[in-house]
Each structure stands twice: as structure tokens, then as C-alpha cells.
C-alpha atoms as a PDB file:
ATOM      1  CA  MET A   1     -50.993  34.488  16.169  1.00  0.00           C
ATOM      2  CA  ALA A   2     -52.715  36.574  18.636  1.00  0.00           C
ATOM      3  CA  ILE A   3     -52.071  35.911  22.466  1.00  0.00           C
ATOM      4  CA  GLY A   4     -55.268  35.567  24.465  1.00  0.00           C
ATOM      5  CA  ARG A   5     -55.990  37.743  27.545  1.00  0.00           C
ATOM      6  CA  GLU A   6     -55.890  34.951  29.744  1.00  0.00           C
ATOM      7  CA  THR A   7     -52.463  34.058  28.683  1.00  0.00           C
ATOM      8  CA  VAL A   8     -51.165  37.623  28.962  1.00  0.00           C
ATOM      9  CA  GLU A   9     -52.719  37.780  32.405  1.00  0.00           C
ATOM     10  CA  ASN A  10     -50.710  34.427  33.342  1.00  0.00           C
ATOM     11  CA  ILE A  11     -47.458  35.816  32.207  1.00  0.00           C
ATOM     12  CA  LEU A  12     -48.001  39.013  34.063  1.00  0.00           C
ATOM     13  CA  LYS A  13     -48.736  37.150  37.181  1.00  0.00           C
ATOM     14  CA  LEU A  14     -45.819  34.734  36.654  1.00  0.00           C
ATOM     15  CA  SER A  15     -43.440  37.819  36.344  1.00  0.00           C
ATOM     16  CA  LYS A  16     -44.598  39.293  39.860  1.00  0.00           C
ATOM     17  CA  THR A  17     -44.012  35.756  41.643  1.00  0.00           C
ATOM     18  CA  LYS A  18     -41.069  35.276  43.767  1.00  0.00           C
ATOM     19  CA  TRP A  19     -41.467  31.675  44.214  1.00  0.00           C
ATOM     20  CA  ARG A  20     -42.590  28.738  41.820  1.00  0.00           C
ATOM     21  CA  THR A  21     -43.587  25.315  42.897  1.00  0.00           C
ATOM     22  CA  SER A  22     -45.549  22.304  41.216  1.00  0.00           C
ATOM     23  CA  ILE A  23     -45.490  20.488  44.485  1.00  0.00           C
ATOM     24  CA  THR A  24     -48.358  22.008  46.791  1.00  0.00           C
ATOM     25  CA  LYS A  25     -50.747  24.830  46.068  1.00  0.00           C
ATOM     26  CA  ILE A  26     -52.037  26.752  49.000  1.00  0.00           C
ATOM     27  CA  GLU A  27     -55.284  28.828  48.889  1.00  0.00           C
ATOM     28  CA  PRO A  28     -57.679  29.842  51.700  1.00  0.00           C
ATOM     29  CA  ASN A  29     -59.429  26.721  53.086  1.00  0.00           C
ATOM     30  CA  ARG A  30     -57.689  24.674  50.159  1.00  0.00           C
ATOM     31  CA  ILE A  31     -54.518  22.592  49.929  1.00  0.00           C
ATOM     32  CA  VAL A  32     -53.755  20.668  46.845  1.00  0.00           C
ATOM     33  CA  THR A  33     -50.626  18.507  46.524  1.00  0.00           C
ATOM     34  CA  ARG A  34     -49.594  17.427  43.049  1.00  0.00           C
ATOM     35  CA  GLY A  35     -53.247  17.855  41.837  1.00  0.00           C
ATOM     36  CA  PHE A  36     -54.856  16.145  44.740  1.00  0.00           C
ATOM     37  CA  ALA A  37     -56.673  17.798  47.628  1.00  0.00           C
ATOM     38  CA  GLN A  38     -54.909  16.682  50.811  1.00  0.00           C
ATOM     39  CA  GLU A  39     -58.024  15.664  52.667  1.00  0.00           C
ATOM     40  CA  ASP A  40     -58.719  13.286  49.826  1.00  0.00           C
ATOM     41  CA  LEU A  41     -55.238  11.734  50.302  1.00  0.00           C
ATOM     42  CA  ILE A  42     -55.777  11.326  54.046  1.00  0.00           C
ATOM     43  CA  ASN A  43     -56.693   7.617  54.990  1.00  0.00           C
ATOM     44  CA  ASN A  44     -56.767   6.824  51.114  1.00  0.00           C
ATOM     45  CA  ILE A  45     -53.075   6.521  50.483  1.00  0.00           C
ATOM     46  CA  SER A  46     -50.044   5.108  52.650  1.00  0.00           C
ATOM     47  CA  PHE A  47     -47.171   7.202  53.868  1.00  0.00           C
ATOM     48  CA  PRO A  48     -44.643   5.549  51.184  1.00  0.00           C
ATOM     49  CA  GLU A  49     -47.220   6.431  48.453  1.00  0.00           C
ATOM     50  CA  MET A  50     -46.978  10.096  49.805  1.00  0.00           C
ATOM     51  CA  VAL A  51     -43.427  10.140  49.701  1.00  0.00           C
ATOM     52  CA  TYR A  52     -43.586   8.813  46.048  1.00  0.00           C
ATOM     53  CA  LEU A  53     -46.061  11.453  45.087  1.00  0.00           C
ATOM     54  CA  LEU A  54     -44.158  14.288  46.353  1.00  0.00           C
ATOM     55  CA  LEU A  55     -40.857  13.167  45.043  1.00  0.00           C
ATOM     56  CA  LYS A  56     -42.020  11.888  41.514  1.00  0.00           C
ATOM     57  CA  GLY A  57     -45.234  13.884  40.977  1.00  0.00           C
ATOM     58  CA  GLU A  58     -47.606  10.804  40.510  1.00  0.00           C
ATOM     59  CA  LEU A  59     -48.979   8.164  42.479  1.00  0.00           C
ATOM     60  CA  PRO A  60     -47.161   4.828  42.407  1.00  0.00           C
ATOM     61  CA  SER A  61     -48.338   1.387  41.252  1.00  0.00           C
ATOM     62  CA  LYS A  62     -48.999  -0.889  44.016  1.00  0.00           C
ATOM     63  CA  ASN A  63     -45.761  -2.711  43.292  1.00  0.00           C
ATOM     64  CA  HIS A  64     -43.670   0.291  43.708  1.00  0.00           C
ATOM     65  CA  SER A  65     -45.478   1.455  46.670  1.00  0.00           C
ATOM     66  CA  ARG A  66     -44.695  -1.861  48.418  1.00  0.00           C
ATOM     67  CA  MET A  67     -41.198  -1.691  47.235  1.00  0.00           C
ATOM     68  CA  LEU A  68     -40.682   1.895  48.516  1.00  0.00           C
ATOM     69  CA  GLU A  69     -42.004   0.690  51.750  1.00  0.00           C
ATOM     70  CA  ALA A  70     -39.553  -1.917  51.946  1.00  0.00           C
ATOM     71  CA  VAL A  71     -36.701   0.280  51.237  1.00  0.00           C
ATOM     72  CA  LEU A  72     -37.639   2.772  53.948  1.00  0.00           C
ATOM     73  CA  VAL A  73     -38.240   0.006  56.514  1.00  0.00           C
ATOM     74  CA  SER A  74     -34.861  -1.387  55.678  1.00  0.00           C
ATOM     75  CA  PHE A  75     -33.136   1.845  56.711  1.00  0.00           C
ATOM     76  CA  CYS A  76     -34.867   2.269  60.030  1.00  0.00           C
ATOM     77  CA  ASP A  77     -32.017   1.650  62.376  1.00  0.00           C
ATOM     78  CA  HIS A  78     -28.742   0.224  63.070  1.00  0.00           C
ATOM     79  CA  GLY A  79     -28.348   0.450  66.848  1.00  0.00           C
ATOM     80  CA  VAL A  80     -26.011   2.851  68.355  1.00  0.00           C
ATOM     81  CA  THR A  81     -23.103   1.894  65.761  1.00  0.00           C
ATOM     82  CA  PRO A  82     -23.956   4.833  63.358  1.00  0.00           C
ATOM     83  CA  PRO A  83     -22.159   8.331  64.183  1.00  0.00           C
ATOM     84  CA  SER A  84     -25.354  10.005  63.527  1.00  0.00           C
ATOM     85  CA  THR A  85     -27.158   8.083  66.323  1.00  0.00           C
ATOM     86  CA  GLN A  86     -24.273   8.665  68.729  1.00  0.00           C
ATOM     87  CA  VAL A  87     -24.328  12.404  68.049  1.00  0.00           C
ATOM     88  CA  ALA A  88     -28.090  12.497  68.554  1.00  0.00           C
ATOM     89  CA  ARG A  89     -27.781  10.720  71.782  1.00  0.00           C
ATOM     90  CA  LEU A  90     -24.921  12.806  73.134  1.00  0.00           C
ATOM     91  CA  MET A  91     -27.017  15.979  72.406  1.00  0.00           C
ATOM     92  CA  ALA A  92     -29.770  14.349  74.141  1.00  0.00           C
ATOM     93  CA  SER A  93     -27.755  13.706  77.046  1.00  0.00           C
ATOM     94  CA  THR A  94     -27.182  17.318  77.493  1.00  0.00           C
ATOM     95  CA  GLY A  95     -30.703  18.342  77.796  1.00  0.00           C
ATOM     96  CA  ALA A  96     -31.173  19.652  74.295  1.00  0.00           C
ATOM     97  CA  PRO A  97     -34.637  19.538  72.952  1.00  0.00           C
ATOM     98  CA  MET A  98     -35.838  16.868  70.428  1.00  0.00           C
ATOM     99  CA  ASN A  99     -35.629  19.083  67.190  1.00  0.00           C
ATOM    100  CA  VAL A 100     -31.980  20.010  68.092  1.00  0.00           C
ATOM    101  CA  CYS A 101     -31.009  16.354  68.636  1.00  0.00           C
ATOM    102  CA  VAL A 102     -32.663  15.314  65.656  1.00  0.00           C
ATOM    103  CA  SER A 103     -30.917  18.045  63.559  1.00  0.00           C
ATOM    104  CA  GLY A 104     -27.382  17.140  64.968  1.00  0.00           C
ATOM    105  CA  GLY A 105     -28.192  13.651  64.085  1.00  0.00           C
ATOM    106  CA  LEU A 106     -29.058  14.327  60.355  1.00  0.00           C
ATOM    107  CA  MET A 107     -26.171  16.931  60.270  1.00  0.00           C
ATOM    108  CA  ALA A 108     -23.837  13.917  61.010  1.00  0.00           C
ATOM    109  CA  PHE A 109     -24.579  12.370  57.740  1.00  0.00           C
ATOM    110  CA  GLY A 110     -21.720  12.853  55.240  1.00  0.00           C
ATOM    111  CA  LYS A 111     -19.525  11.262  52.758  1.00  0.00           C
ATOM    112  CA  TYR A 112     -18.494   8.439  55.007  1.00  0.00           C
ATOM    113  CA  HIS A 113     -21.895   7.794  56.741  1.00  0.00           C
ATOM    114  CA  ALA A 114     -25.103   7.861  54.739  1.00  0.00           C
ATOM    115  CA  GLY A 115     -23.542   9.341  51.508  1.00  0.00           C
ATOM    116  CA  ALA A 116     -22.984   5.788  50.034  1.00  0.00           C
ATOM    117  CA  ILE A 117     -26.270   5.367  48.652  1.00  0.00           C
ATOM    118  CA  GLU A 118     -26.311   8.500  46.711  1.00  0.00           C
ATOM    119  CA  THR A 119     -22.671   7.942  45.409  1.00  0.00           C
ATOM    120  CA  ALA A 120     -23.602   4.308  44.681  1.00  0.00           C
ATOM    121  CA  MET A 121     -26.825   5.420  42.815  1.00  0.00           C
ATOM    122  CA  LYS A 122     -24.704   7.973  40.764  1.00  0.00           C
ATOM    123  CA  ILE A 123     -22.276   5.519  39.725  1.00  0.00           C
ATOM    124  CA  LEU A 124     -24.868   2.764  38.642  1.00  0.00           C
ATOM    125  CA  GLN A 125     -26.765   5.394  36.727  1.00  0.00           C
ATOM    126  CA  GLU A 126     -24.035   6.954  34.975  1.00  0.00           C
ATOM    127  CA  GLY A 127     -22.533   3.563  34.147  1.00  0.00           C
ATOM    128  CA  VAL A 128     -25.767   2.423  32.653  1.00  0.00           C
ATOM    129  CA  GLN A 129     -26.487   5.602  30.779  1.00  0.00           C
ATOM    130  CA  ARG A 130     -22.900   5.957  29.489  1.00  0.00           C
ATOM    131  CA  LEU A 131     -22.434   2.462  28.278  1.00  0.00           C
ATOM    132  CA  ASN A 132     -26.081   2.097  26.758  1.00  0.00           C
ATOM    133  CA  GLY A 133     -26.832  -0.965  28.810  1.00  0.00           C
ATOM    134  CA  ASP A 134     -23.561  -2.680  28.306  1.00  0.00           C
ATOM    135  CA  THR A 135     -23.441  -4.221  31.915  1.00  0.00           C
ATOM    136  CA  GLU A 136     -20.202  -6.036  31.144  1.00  0.00           C
ATOM    137  CA  ARG A 137     -18.240  -2.954  30.318  1.00  0.00           C
ATOM    138  CA  ALA A 138     -19.937  -1.000  33.231  1.00  0.00           C
ATOM    139  CA  VAL A 139     -18.718  -3.618  35.630  1.00  0.00           C
ATOM    140  CA  GLU A 140     -15.308  -3.596  34.217  1.00  0.00           C
ATOM    141  CA  GLU A 141     -15.135   0.049  34.800  1.00  0.00           C
ATOM    142  CA  ILE A 142     -16.429   0.165  38.096  1.00  0.00           C
ATOM    143  CA  VAL A 143     -14.443  -2.796  39.550  1.00  0.00           C
ATOM    144  CA  ALA A 144     -11.269  -1.517  38.033  1.00  0.00           C
ATOM    145  CA  GLN A 145     -11.539   1.099  41.095  1.00  0.00           C
ATOM    146  CA  LEU A 146     -10.469  -1.729  43.311  1.00  0.00           C
ATOM    147  CA  GLU A 147      -7.066  -1.803  41.471  1.00  0.00           C
ATOM    148  CA  ASN A 148      -5.965   1.728  43.017  1.00  0.00           C
ATOM    149  CA  GLY A 149      -7.391   0.868  46.308  1.00  0.00           C
ATOM    150  CA  SER A 150     -10.479   2.696  46.106  1.00  0.00           C
ATOM    151  CA  ARG A 151     -13.594   1.333  47.853  1.00  0.00           C
ATOM    152  CA  ILE A 152     -16.889   0.906  45.652  1.00  0.00           C
ATOM    153  CA  PRO A 153     -19.718   2.549  47.736  1.00  0.00           C
ATOM    154  CA  GLY A 154     -22.432   0.025  48.402  1.00  0.00           C
ATOM    155  CA  PHE A 155     -20.293  -2.979  48.893  1.00  0.00           C
ATOM    156  CA  GLY A 156     -18.796  -3.954  52.147  1.00  0.00           C
ATOM    157  CA  HIS A 157     -19.878  -3.423  55.669  1.00  0.00           C
ATOM    158  CA  ARG A 158     -17.937  -2.418  59.004  1.00  0.00           C
ATOM    159  CA  PHE A 159     -20.131  -5.021  61.032  1.00  0.00           C
ATOM    160  CA  HIS A 160     -21.333  -7.676  58.869  1.00  0.00           C
ATOM    161  CA  ASP A 161     -19.515  -9.956  56.605  1.00  0.00           C
ATOM    162  CA  GLU A 162     -22.929 -10.454  54.977  1.00  0.00           C
ATOM    163  CA  ASP A 163     -25.437  -7.712  55.363  1.00  0.00           C
ATOM    164  CA  PRO A 164     -28.561  -9.672  55.898  1.00  0.00           C
ATOM    165  CA  ARG A 165     -30.888  -6.999  54.366  1.00  0.00           C
ATOM    166  CA  PRO A 166     -30.025  -7.049  50.958  1.00  0.00           C
ATOM    167  CA  PRO A 167     -31.024 -10.631  49.703  1.00  0.00           C
ATOM    168  CA  LYS A 168     -34.605  -9.919  51.184  1.00  0.00           C
ATOM    169  CA  LEU A 169     -34.700  -6.557  49.208  1.00  0.00           C
ATOM    170  CA  ILE A 170     -33.448  -8.256  46.030  1.00  0.00           C
ATOM    171  CA  GLU A 171     -36.186 -10.881  46.541  1.00  0.00           C
ATOM    172  CA  LEU A 172     -38.848  -8.218  46.854  1.00  0.00           C
ATOM    173  CA  ALA A 173     -37.590  -6.258  43.666  1.00  0.00           C
ATOM    174  CA  ARG A 174     -38.011  -9.427  41.569  1.00  0.00           C
ATOM    175  CA  LYS A 175     -41.529  -9.955  43.229  1.00  0.00           C
ATOM    176  CA  TYR A 176     -42.619  -6.477  42.722  1.00  0.00           C
ATOM    177  CA  ASN A 177     -41.111  -6.202  39.181  1.00  0.00           C
ATOM    178  CA  CYS A 178     -38.633  -3.566  40.266  1.00  0.00           C
ATOM    179  CA  PHE A 179     -35.672  -5.634  39.204  1.00  0.00           C
ATOM    180  CA  SER A 180     -33.909  -4.292  36.124  1.00  0.00           C
ATOM    181  CA  ILE A 181     -30.573  -3.218  34.616  1.00  0.00           C
ATOM    182  CA  HIS A 182     -29.155  -1.359  37.801  1.00  0.00           C
ATOM    183  CA  THR A 183     -30.043  -4.170  40.025  1.00  0.00           C
ATOM    184  CA  GLU A 184     -28.611  -6.640  37.588  1.00  0.00           C
ATOM    185  CA  LEU A 185     -25.328  -4.435  37.311  1.00  0.00           C
ATOM    186  CA  ALA A 186     -25.011  -4.351  41.136  1.00  0.00           C
ATOM    187  CA  LEU A 187     -25.492  -8.179  41.564  1.00  0.00           C
ATOM    188  CA  THR A 188     -22.689  -8.562  38.856  1.00  0.00           C
ATOM    189  CA  ILE A 189     -20.383  -6.437  40.574  1.00  0.00           C
ATOM    190  CA  GLU A 190     -21.143  -8.288  43.971  1.00  0.00           C
ATOM    191  CA  LYS A 191     -20.267 -11.526  42.421  1.00  0.00           C
ATOM    192  CA  ILE A 192     -16.875 -10.283  41.096  1.00  0.00           C
ATOM    193  CA  LEU A 193     -16.112  -8.516  44.396  1.00  0.00           C
ATOM    194  CA  SER A 194     -17.080 -11.707  46.361  1.00  0.00           C
ATOM    195  CA  GLU A 195     -14.912 -13.849  44.305  1.00  0.00           C
ATOM    196  CA  ARG A 196     -11.938 -11.486  44.508  1.00  0.00           C
ATOM    197  CA  LYS A 197     -12.259  -9.846  47.795  1.00  0.00           C
ATOM    198  CA  GLY A 198     -14.885 -11.788  49.757  1.00  0.00           C
ATOM    199  CA  ILE A 199     -16.901  -8.240  49.656  1.00  0.00           C
ATOM    200  CA  ARG A 200     -20.663  -8.565  49.599  1.00  0.00           C
ATOM    201  CA  MET A 201     -23.239  -6.042  48.656  1.00  0.00           C
ATOM    202  CA  ASN A 202     -24.592  -3.928  51.552  1.00  0.00           C
ATOM    203  CA  ILE A 203     -27.994  -2.132  52.351  1.00  0.00           C
ATOM    204  CA  ASP A 204     -26.784   1.166  50.336  1.00  0.00           C
ATOM    205  CA  GLY A 205     -25.799  -0.926  47.334  1.00  0.00           C
ATOM    206  CA  ALA A 206     -29.138  -3.077  47.315  1.00  0.00           C
ATOM    207  CA  ASN A 207     -31.340   0.084  47.678  1.00  0.00           C
ATOM    208  CA  ALA A 208     -29.045   2.265  45.435  1.00  0.00           C
ATOM    209  CA  ALA A 209     -29.819  -0.286  42.480  1.00  0.00           C
ATOM    210  CA  ILE A 210     -33.547  -0.811  43.262  1.00  0.00           C
ATOM    211  CA  LEU A 211     -34.300   2.960  43.587  1.00  0.00           C
ATOM    212  CA  SER A 212     -32.550   3.480  40.369  1.00  0.00           C
ATOM    213  CA  ASP A 213     -34.502   0.790  38.623  1.00  0.00           C
ATOM    214  CA  MET A 214     -37.601   2.516  40.235  1.00  0.00           C
ATOM    215  CA  GLY A 215     -36.668   5.805  38.328  1.00  0.00           C
ATOM    216  CA  PHE A 216     -35.549   7.747  41.188  1.00  0.00           C
ATOM    217  CA  ASP A 217     -32.669  10.279  40.680  1.00  0.00           C
ATOM    218  CA  TRP A 218     -29.401   9.603  42.346  1.00  0.00           C
ATOM    219  CA  GLU A 219     -29.446  13.322  43.899  1.00  0.00           C
ATOM    220  CA  ILE A 220     -32.330  12.347  46.255  1.00  0.00           C
ATOM    221  CA  GLY A 221     -30.575   9.068  47.402  1.00  0.00           C
ATOM    222  CA  SER A 222     -29.510  10.372  50.870  1.00  0.00           C
ATOM    223  CA  GLY A 223     -32.868  12.140  51.334  1.00  0.00           C
ATOM    224  CA  ILE A 224     -34.684   8.704  50.984  1.00  0.00           C
ATOM    225  CA  PHE A 225     -32.201   7.330  53.435  1.00  0.00           C
ATOM    226  CA  MET A 226     -32.835  10.280  55.906  1.00  0.00           C
ATOM    227  CA  MET A 227     -36.489   9.496  55.760  1.00  0.00           C
ATOM    228  CA  GLY A 228     -36.013   5.870  56.595  1.00  0.00           C
ATOM    229  CA  ARG A 229     -33.518   6.552  59.321  1.00  0.00           C
ATOM    230  CA  LEU A 230     -35.522   9.385  60.993  1.00  0.00           C
ATOM    231  CA  PRO A 231     -37.726   7.293  63.153  1.00  0.00           C
ATOM    232  CA  GLY A 232     -34.786   5.305  64.857  1.00  0.00           C
ATOM    233  CA  ILE A 233     -32.826   8.477  65.477  1.00  0.00           C
ATOM    234  CA  ILE A 234     -36.028   9.616  67.492  1.00  0.00           C
ATOM    235  CA  ALA A 235     -36.377   6.609  69.270  1.00  0.00           C
ATOM    236  CA  HIS A 236     -32.704   6.707  70.438  1.00  0.00           C
ATOM    237  CA  ILE A 237     -33.090  10.420  71.510  1.00  0.00           C
ATOM    238  CA  SER A 238     -36.238   9.283  73.457  1.00  0.00           C
ATOM    239  CA  GLU A 239     -34.545   6.262  75.020  1.00  0.00           C
ATOM    240  CA  GLU A 240     -31.463   8.491  75.944  1.00  0.00           C
ATOM    241  CA  LYS A 241     -33.641  11.132  77.649  1.00  0.00           C
ATOM    242  CA  THR A 242     -35.924   8.521  79.588  1.00  0.00           C
ATOM    243  CA  ARG A 243     -33.523   5.786  80.441  1.00  0.00           C
ATOM    244  CA  GLU A 244     -30.142   7.247  80.956  1.00  0.00           C
ATOM    245  CA  PRO A 245     -28.576   9.860  83.244  1.00  0.00           C
ATOM    246  CA  PRO A 246     -27.757  13.183  81.867  1.00  0.00           C
ATOM    247  CA  PHE A 247     -24.327  14.031  80.437  1.00  0.00           C
ATOM    248  CA  ARG A 248     -23.235  10.717  78.909  1.00  0.00           C
ATOM    249  CA  LYS A 249     -19.645   9.801  79.341  1.00  0.00           C
ATOM    250  CA  ILE A 250     -18.318   7.719  76.392  1.00  0.00           C
ATOM    251  CA  PHE A 251     -14.607   7.542  77.892  1.00  0.00           C
ATOM    252  CA  GLN A 252     -12.490   7.668  80.910  1.00  0.00           C
ATOM    253  CA  ILE A 253     -10.140  10.458  81.327  1.00  0.00           C
ATOM    254  CA  ASP A 254      -7.017   7.964  81.091  1.00  0.00           C
ATOM    255  CA  GLU A 255      -8.203   6.965  77.612  1.00  0.00           C
ATOM    256  CA  ILE A 256      -7.372  10.569  76.294  1.00  0.00           C
ATOM    257  CA  PHE A 257      -3.836  10.786  74.992  1.00  0.00           C
ATOM    258  CA  TYR A 258      -2.596  14.617  74.683  1.00  0.00           C
ATOM    259  CA  ASP A 259       0.257  15.168  72.251  1.00  0.00           C
ATOM    260  CA  GLY A 260       0.547  18.777  72.239  1.00  0.00           C
ATOM    261  CA  LEU A 261       2.780  21.310  74.023  1.00  0.00           C
ATOM    262  CA  ASP A 262       3.167  20.907  77.750  1.00  0.00           C
END
């Protein structure tokens, strides 16, 4: 079968390119994102819908749009308690510019802060995939981690015996038809943990389950968390700069214990 001239030209063009992307096409006086002219998207879709379009390559249903909006709002802020917010505010107190403070806050995310949602999504998705929907076996395998003293990401909270956000999110997941096997699995795990240890699901566990049921891959879990938390970090940076004196002190000198050589 002969190859057409247009096909040959496309192959040659592709061989010369250094970058490939299916997200946004830039041409003189023209910007196309996922097949939509950006000027047509402006004022016609919401920010959560734009996030969904960028991440998944298609516009969401109204239910998925409302659910993603709820997920992003639920991540917005947790006061000055998170290390990322403390880092951002400390940097702001030095006179560092907004972009530097924001990057410091985001770089403070790690395994023990903000990493739980991604790990929880991975556990839920791999559990469902490996066991072909056998939630009972998946629960047994996941809960078995407690026997060796391991924590199950997405359950338990440093400040809340009962995180007030998950029940509302689960309610909305049912309302918007975003409740399926991953959320069912998470609730079953919570039931067992609550009975054995008094441990309840936290915000990461709820959103990990719901986002998994919405078809989001676990590898972008922390990215979705960052999008939700970013406005809160910016608000804290602004507050630190406008309401507090510079060079914040978080301890007294007598609170520092030196145990090195004299």
C-alpha cells in the first residue's frame, strides 16, 4: 500500500520536532487547548472544568465538574498547622517575593505532608485492579499493614479525631454519581479501622477514593492537592507580609537545646 505525500510530510515534520504535546497548540494569533480555541473556553467553562480538560483531554460531565470543584475546595487550607504553610510564611517574613514563598511552600510537600493522597490513590487503585473488584480481599490486604505497625495513608489525622470534610465529600460523591468501587473500598477500610483502632478516614482518603472513581491516575494525586491548596498558601503569604512584623520568631533562645561539642 502506497504512502501518501501528506503522510510522508507529516513523518518528516515529526522527525524534526524536539517537543511533542497533545495539550495546547500555539500558532500566530491562535491558541488551541485540547481541540478548543481558548477564547471560546473563556467565560464558557469553569476553572474545575478547565482543570479536568487539561488533565483528561475532555470536558467533564456536569456531575464530574461539580465533584472536582468540591474536591479542590476541600483542600483549600488548614490554617498555620501544615509545614508547607509555615515554610511559606517564614519565607515571607524574610522579605522574599511572592513567587519564592509559594515555591518554598510547594517544595515542602513530601511523603509525610501532601503525599498521602497520591499513596492512598495508588493503594486503592492497585488493590482494585489486582483483585478484580474483590473488595473483601483488598480490605484484608490493606488492613494487614496495621499488624506490622504501618499507617494506612488516608486514615487518621493529627488534629481531628473525626475530620469534618470526608462525610460531606462522600455525600456529594453519591449525589453526583462519582461513588463506585474505590470509595466503597475506602469506606469498608474505615469501618474496620474505626472498630479496631478508632481511626477515621481523613480528607486525603476521601478524595483519593473519589478521584480514583472519577478515573484520575494516582500519579497526579499530589498535583490536584497542590491546585486546591495553592490559594490558601498565597493568602497566608499575603497575610504574613501585611499583618506581621518581618523576621518572624517561632521560638525563644532558651527553647533551643544544643547537644554538640562545647
